[in-house]
N, C-alpha and C. Protein backbone atom coordinates (compact mmCIF):
# COMPACT_ATOMS: atom_id res chain seq x y z
N MET A 1 24.16 2.86 4.04
CA MET A 1 24.85 1.62 4.79
C MET A 1 26.35 1.54 4.92
N SER A 2 26.92 1.16 6.16
CA SER A 2 28.08 0.88 6.30
C SER A 2 28.63 -0.79 5.66
N GLY A 3 29.97 -1.18 5.46
CA GLY A 3 30.17 -2.25 5.10
C GLY A 3 30.03 -3.62 5.74
N SER A 4 29.19 -3.21 6.91
CA SER A 4 28.66 -4.67 7.46
C SER A 4 27.63 -5.53 6.66
N ALA A 5 27.65 -6.45 6.78
CA ALA A 5 26.36 -7.52 6.40
C ALA A 5 25.53 -7.44 7.05
N SER A 6 24.30 -7.50 6.18
CA SER A 6 22.96 -7.70 6.92
C SER A 6 22.66 -9.14 7.24
N ILE A 7 22.04 -9.36 8.21
CA ILE A 7 21.51 -10.75 8.54
C ILE A 7 20.08 -10.89 8.59
N PRO A 8 19.60 -11.52 7.42
CA PRO A 8 18.08 -11.74 7.25
C PRO A 8 17.43 -12.08 8.55
N ALA A 9 16.02 -11.84 8.64
CA ALA A 9 15.51 -12.25 9.90
C ALA A 9 14.00 -12.55 9.31
N THR A 10 13.43 -13.52 10.03
CA THR A 10 12.16 -14.17 9.56
C THR A 10 11.47 -14.29 10.89
N SER A 11 10.01 -14.22 10.92
CA SER A 11 9.53 -14.59 12.08
C SER A 11 8.04 -15.11 11.45
N LYS A 12 7.46 -15.97 12.05
CA LYS A 12 5.93 -16.66 11.65
C LYS A 12 5.16 -16.74 12.98
N ALA A 13 3.81 -16.44 12.54
CA ALA A 13 2.82 -16.47 13.57
C ALA A 13 1.48 -17.09 13.00
N ALA A 14 1.03 -17.85 13.60
CA ALA A 14 -0.54 -18.68 13.40
C ALA A 14 -1.47 -17.86 14.16
N VAL A 15 -2.17 -16.99 13.49
CA VAL A 15 -3.04 -15.98 14.26
C VAL A 15 -4.56 -16.89 14.22
N PRO A 16 -5.03 -17.15 15.33
CA PRO A 16 -6.35 -17.77 15.54
C PRO A 16 -7.52 -16.99 15.12
N THR A 17 -7.94 -17.19 13.86
CA THR A 17 -9.40 -16.55 13.57
C THR A 17 -9.69 -17.39 12.27
N LYS A 18 -11.18 -17.18 12.04
CA LYS A 18 -12.15 -17.95 11.21
C LYS A 18 -12.21 -17.17 10.15
N LYS A 19 -11.80 -15.78 10.17
CA LYS A 19 -12.12 -14.61 9.10
C LYS A 19 -10.69 -14.40 8.44
N GLY A 20 -9.75 -15.30 8.33
CA GLY A 20 -8.34 -14.71 7.89
C GLY A 20 -8.44 -14.19 6.38
N SER A 21 -9.30 -14.96 5.55
CA SER A 21 -9.16 -14.63 4.22
C SER A 21 -9.82 -12.96 4.28
N ARG A 22 -10.86 -12.74 5.17
CA ARG A 22 -11.44 -11.39 5.07
C ARG A 22 -10.50 -10.26 5.31
N TYR A 23 -9.83 -10.76 6.28
CA TYR A 23 -8.85 -9.61 6.93
C TYR A 23 -7.79 -9.62 5.92
N LEU A 24 -7.28 -10.81 5.54
CA LEU A 24 -6.10 -10.71 4.44
C LEU A 24 -6.55 -9.88 3.13
N GLN A 25 -7.49 -9.68 2.72
CA GLN A 25 -8.00 -8.99 1.65
C GLN A 25 -8.37 -7.51 2.08
N GLN A 26 -8.67 -7.37 2.97
CA GLN A 26 -8.94 -6.14 3.57
C GLN A 26 -7.64 -5.37 3.69
N LEU A 27 -6.85 -6.07 4.40
CA LEU A 27 -5.54 -5.45 4.74
C LEU A 27 -4.68 -5.02 3.34
N CYS A 28 -4.73 -6.18 2.39
CA CYS A 28 -3.75 -6.24 1.15
C CYS A 28 -4.49 -4.92 0.51
N LYS A 29 -5.93 -4.44 0.26
CA LYS A 29 -6.32 -3.65 -0.61
C LYS A 29 -6.19 -2.32 0.17
N HIS A 30 -6.10 -2.37 1.70
CA HIS A 30 -5.59 -1.11 2.25
C HIS A 30 -4.21 -0.62 1.96
N TRP A 31 -3.41 -1.90 2.07
CA TRP A 31 -1.73 -1.33 1.67
C TRP A 31 -1.34 -1.29 0.33
N SER A 32 -2.26 -1.64 -0.49
CA SER A 32 -2.19 -1.49 -2.05
C SER A 32 -2.06 -0.20 -2.68
N HIS A 33 -2.59 0.79 -1.74
CA HIS A 33 -2.90 2.33 -2.20
C HIS A 33 -1.00 2.83 -2.11
N ASN A 34 -0.31 2.06 -1.43
CA ASN A 34 1.12 2.65 -1.02
C ASN A 34 2.27 1.63 -1.18
N LEU A 35 1.89 0.43 -1.29
CA LEU A 35 2.86 -0.56 -1.49
C LEU A 35 2.52 -1.54 -2.44
N ALA A 36 3.68 -2.55 -2.71
CA ALA A 36 3.47 -3.33 -4.03
C ALA A 36 2.81 -4.70 -3.11
N VAL A 37 1.54 -5.03 -3.71
CA VAL A 37 0.75 -5.93 -3.08
C VAL A 37 0.43 -6.91 -4.13
N GLU A 38 0.32 -8.33 -3.80
CA GLU A 38 -0.39 -9.09 -4.66
C GLU A 38 -1.46 -10.02 -3.69
N PHE A 39 -2.37 -10.49 -4.21
CA PHE A 39 -3.27 -11.14 -3.04
C PHE A 39 -4.57 -11.95 -4.03
N THR A 40 -4.88 -13.09 -3.47
CA THR A 40 -6.21 -13.78 -3.83
C THR A 40 -6.77 -13.95 -2.43
N PRO A 41 -7.99 -14.39 -2.46
CA PRO A 41 -8.74 -14.70 -1.02
C PRO A 41 -7.86 -15.54 -0.26
N GLU A 42 -7.01 -16.30 -0.78
CA GLU A 42 -6.23 -17.28 0.13
C GLU A 42 -4.96 -16.88 0.58
N ARG A 43 -4.11 -15.97 -0.27
CA ARG A 43 -2.87 -15.86 -0.02
C ARG A 43 -2.40 -14.20 -0.49
N GLY A 44 -1.93 -13.49 0.28
CA GLY A 44 -1.50 -12.27 0.19
C GLY A 44 0.07 -11.85 0.56
N THR A 45 0.79 -11.09 -0.57
CA THR A 45 2.05 -10.64 -0.33
C THR A 45 2.43 -9.40 -0.22
N VAL A 46 2.86 -8.66 0.60
CA VAL A 46 3.19 -7.04 0.84
C VAL A 46 4.54 -6.87 0.82
N THR A 47 5.24 -6.03 0.05
CA THR A 47 6.64 -5.73 -0.14
C THR A 47 6.73 -4.23 0.39
N PHE A 48 7.41 -4.13 1.56
CA PHE A 48 7.92 -2.79 2.23
C PHE A 48 9.25 -2.41 1.62
N PRO A 49 9.35 -1.47 0.92
CA PRO A 49 10.63 -1.09 0.35
C PRO A 49 11.61 -0.62 1.59
N ARG A 50 12.83 -0.91 1.21
CA ARG A 50 14.01 -0.51 2.12
C ARG A 50 14.01 0.61 2.60
N ASP A 51 13.29 1.64 1.95
CA ASP A 51 13.35 3.02 2.21
C ASP A 51 11.93 3.73 2.58
N ALA A 52 10.97 2.70 3.05
CA ALA A 52 9.59 3.16 3.39
C ALA A 52 9.66 4.29 4.51
N ARG A 53 9.05 5.23 4.40
CA ARG A 53 8.76 6.19 5.66
C ARG A 53 10.11 6.68 6.02
N GLY A 54 11.07 7.00 5.03
CA GLY A 54 12.44 7.53 5.21
C GLY A 54 13.50 6.72 6.10
N ALA A 55 12.96 5.49 6.07
CA ALA A 55 13.88 4.42 6.61
C ALA A 55 15.18 4.17 5.62
N ASP A 56 16.11 3.53 6.26
CA ASP A 56 17.24 3.08 5.41
C ASP A 56 17.64 1.87 5.57
N TRP A 57 16.90 0.47 5.54
CA TRP A 57 17.20 -0.83 5.91
C TRP A 57 18.33 -1.42 4.65
N PRO A 58 18.87 -2.22 4.94
CA PRO A 58 19.65 -3.01 3.74
C PRO A 58 19.04 -3.64 2.76
N ASP A 59 17.63 -4.03 2.69
CA ASP A 59 16.78 -4.39 1.61
C ASP A 59 15.30 -4.31 1.96
N ASP A 60 14.59 -4.53 1.04
CA ASP A 60 13.11 -4.44 1.23
C ASP A 60 12.69 -5.72 2.40
N ALA A 61 11.34 -5.56 2.63
CA ALA A 61 10.93 -6.64 3.73
C ALA A 61 9.50 -7.00 2.94
N VAL A 62 9.28 -8.28 3.04
CA VAL A 62 7.90 -9.00 2.74
C VAL A 62 7.07 -9.60 3.59
N VAL A 63 6.08 -9.29 3.58
CA VAL A 63 5.01 -9.84 4.56
C VAL A 63 4.14 -10.76 3.81
N THR A 64 4.09 -12.14 4.12
CA THR A 64 3.18 -13.03 3.61
C THR A 64 2.22 -13.62 4.39
N MET A 65 0.72 -13.54 3.88
CA MET A 65 -0.21 -14.05 4.92
C MET A 65 -0.99 -15.20 3.93
N VAL A 66 -1.31 -16.36 4.59
CA VAL A 66 -2.01 -17.13 4.09
C VAL A 66 -3.37 -17.44 4.95
N ALA A 67 -4.54 -17.66 4.37
CA ALA A 67 -5.70 -17.80 5.20
C ALA A 67 -6.18 -19.18 5.37
N GLY A 68 -6.21 -19.95 6.39
CA GLY A 68 -6.68 -21.22 6.42
C GLY A 68 -7.95 -21.34 7.39
N ALA A 69 -8.75 -22.20 7.38
CA ALA A 69 -10.16 -22.24 8.28
C ALA A 69 -9.80 -21.82 9.25
N GLU A 70 -8.81 -21.95 10.14
CA GLU A 70 -8.76 -21.40 11.67
C GLU A 70 -7.95 -20.53 11.90
N THR A 71 -7.09 -20.37 10.85
CA THR A 71 -5.96 -19.37 11.42
C THR A 71 -5.45 -18.47 10.11
N LEU A 72 -4.83 -17.43 10.42
CA LEU A 72 -4.40 -16.82 9.27
C LEU A 72 -2.72 -16.62 9.64
N ASP A 73 -2.10 -17.23 8.71
CA ASP A 73 -0.53 -17.57 8.84
C ASP A 73 0.22 -16.38 8.33
N CYS A 74 1.06 -15.82 9.19
CA CYS A 74 1.64 -14.53 8.78
C CYS A 74 3.34 -15.01 8.82
N GLN A 75 3.87 -14.40 7.79
CA GLN A 75 5.62 -14.58 7.89
C GLN A 75 5.98 -13.20 7.32
N ILE A 76 7.12 -12.72 8.10
CA ILE A 76 7.79 -11.49 7.70
C ILE A 76 9.39 -11.96 7.50
N ASP A 77 9.71 -11.71 6.27
CA ASP A 77 11.16 -11.76 5.95
C ASP A 77 11.64 -10.42 5.89
N ALA A 78 12.70 -9.82 6.83
CA ALA A 78 13.09 -8.73 6.85
C ALA A 78 14.76 -8.84 6.31
N SER A 79 15.31 -7.69 6.24
CA SER A 79 16.69 -7.75 6.19
C SER A 79 17.47 -7.71 7.26
N VAL A 80 17.08 -7.27 8.42
CA VAL A 80 17.51 -7.30 9.81
C VAL A 80 16.42 -7.27 10.76
N ALA A 81 16.88 -7.69 11.95
CA ALA A 81 16.17 -7.93 13.16
C ALA A 81 15.22 -6.55 13.50
N GLU A 82 15.98 -5.63 13.40
CA GLU A 82 15.39 -4.07 13.80
C GLU A 82 14.19 -4.11 12.83
N GLN A 83 14.24 -4.08 11.81
CA GLN A 83 13.37 -3.85 10.63
C GLN A 83 12.31 -4.90 10.73
N LEU A 84 12.50 -6.13 11.06
CA LEU A 84 11.45 -7.32 11.47
C LEU A 84 10.63 -6.85 12.58
N GLU A 85 11.27 -6.46 13.96
CA GLU A 85 10.45 -6.15 14.88
C GLU A 85 9.54 -5.04 14.80
N GLY A 86 9.82 -3.91 14.03
CA GLY A 86 9.03 -3.13 13.71
C GLY A 86 7.88 -3.64 12.64
N LEU A 87 8.06 -4.16 12.02
CA LEU A 87 6.95 -4.89 11.05
C LEU A 87 6.20 -5.98 11.81
N LYS A 88 6.57 -6.51 12.84
CA LYS A 88 5.53 -7.04 13.65
C LYS A 88 4.51 -6.25 14.20
N GLY A 89 4.93 -5.12 14.50
CA GLY A 89 4.01 -4.04 15.33
C GLY A 89 3.26 -3.71 14.34
N VAL A 90 3.40 -3.32 13.19
CA VAL A 90 2.80 -2.62 12.09
C VAL A 90 1.72 -3.65 11.62
N LEU A 91 2.08 -4.87 11.54
CA LEU A 91 1.15 -5.94 11.09
C LEU A 91 0.04 -6.12 11.98
N ALA A 92 0.53 -6.21 13.21
CA ALA A 92 -0.68 -6.76 14.34
C ALA A 92 -1.49 -5.24 14.51
N ARG A 93 -0.99 -4.27 14.55
CA ARG A 93 -1.97 -3.03 14.77
C ARG A 93 -2.91 -2.92 13.27
N HIS A 94 -2.52 -3.02 12.35
CA HIS A 94 -3.42 -3.06 11.28
C HIS A 94 -3.99 -4.28 11.06
N LEU A 95 -4.02 -5.33 11.49
CA LEU A 95 -4.88 -6.63 11.63
C LEU A 95 -5.85 -6.32 12.70
N ASP A 96 -5.62 -5.79 13.74
CA ASP A 96 -6.54 -5.53 14.80
C ASP A 96 -7.50 -4.48 14.31
N ARG A 97 -7.13 -3.33 13.50
CA ARG A 97 -8.14 -2.39 13.29
C ARG A 97 -9.22 -3.21 12.26
N PHE A 98 -8.84 -4.26 11.42
CA PHE A 98 -9.85 -4.83 10.84
C PHE A 98 -10.38 -5.87 11.55
N ALA A 99 -10.08 -6.38 12.40
CA ALA A 99 -10.31 -7.32 13.32
C ALA A 99 -11.12 -6.98 14.44
N PHE A 100 -11.58 -5.56 14.47
CA PHE A 100 -12.08 -5.04 15.84
C PHE A 100 -12.97 -5.72 16.55
N ARG A 101 -13.69 -6.54 16.05
CA ARG A 101 -14.73 -7.34 17.00
C ARG A 101 -13.95 -8.72 17.56
N GLU A 102 -12.97 -9.13 17.19
CA GLU A 102 -11.81 -10.03 17.79
C GLU A 102 -10.63 -9.41 18.39
N ALA A 103 -10.56 -8.30 18.24
CA ALA A 103 -9.37 -7.56 18.87
C ALA A 103 -8.91 -7.80 20.33
N PRO A 104 -7.96 -7.78 20.61
CA PRO A 104 -6.61 -8.02 19.99
C PRO A 104 -6.28 -9.45 19.49
N LEU A 105 -6.09 -9.43 18.60
CA LEU A 105 -5.60 -11.17 17.78
C LEU A 105 -4.34 -11.35 18.55
N ALA A 106 -4.38 -12.81 18.67
CA ALA A 106 -3.03 -13.23 19.33
C ALA A 106 -1.97 -13.58 18.40
N PHE A 107 -0.90 -12.83 18.24
CA PHE A 107 0.54 -13.32 17.82
C PHE A 107 1.40 -13.70 18.35
N ASP A 108 1.57 -15.29 18.10
CA ASP A 108 2.69 -15.75 18.61
C ASP A 108 3.91 -15.81 18.02
N TRP A 109 4.60 -15.02 17.74
CA TRP A 109 5.96 -14.92 16.72
C TRP A 109 6.59 -15.91 17.26
N LYS A 110 7.08 -16.66 16.24
CA LYS A 110 8.27 -17.59 16.51
C LYS A 110 9.30 -16.92 15.14
N ASP A 111 10.58 -16.42 15.95
CA ASP A 111 11.52 -16.12 14.85
C ASP A 111 12.65 -17.17 14.63
N GLU A 112 12.89 -17.31 13.34
CA GLU A 112 13.56 -18.31 12.66
C GLU A 112 15.37 -17.59 12.50
N ALA A 113 16.08 -18.33 12.83
CA ALA A 113 17.49 -17.95 12.42
C ALA A 113 18.01 -17.86 11.15
């Protein structure tokens, strides 16, 4: 990385589904084979290393999911906007696979400064 400073990027989405806990657990179990994952039926965090799949991001990214009665709240904390945008797609594609009966799920991402 060059001497330029990275600007952290965060985005949140409340995904409408009554099966948030199920999808959260399935996705966390799936990703636990390759990534650092912690989860309960209500909350999961997944760390994507800065060098995952040959990338060279300034820092790791963290995806946090919280299952509610009507939504699966998702948050991505990334080191730069490009990493954030990539993980939005990764998260949506993977959740849609587990939620195939409901897919495509609606992700109304709200980026934070």
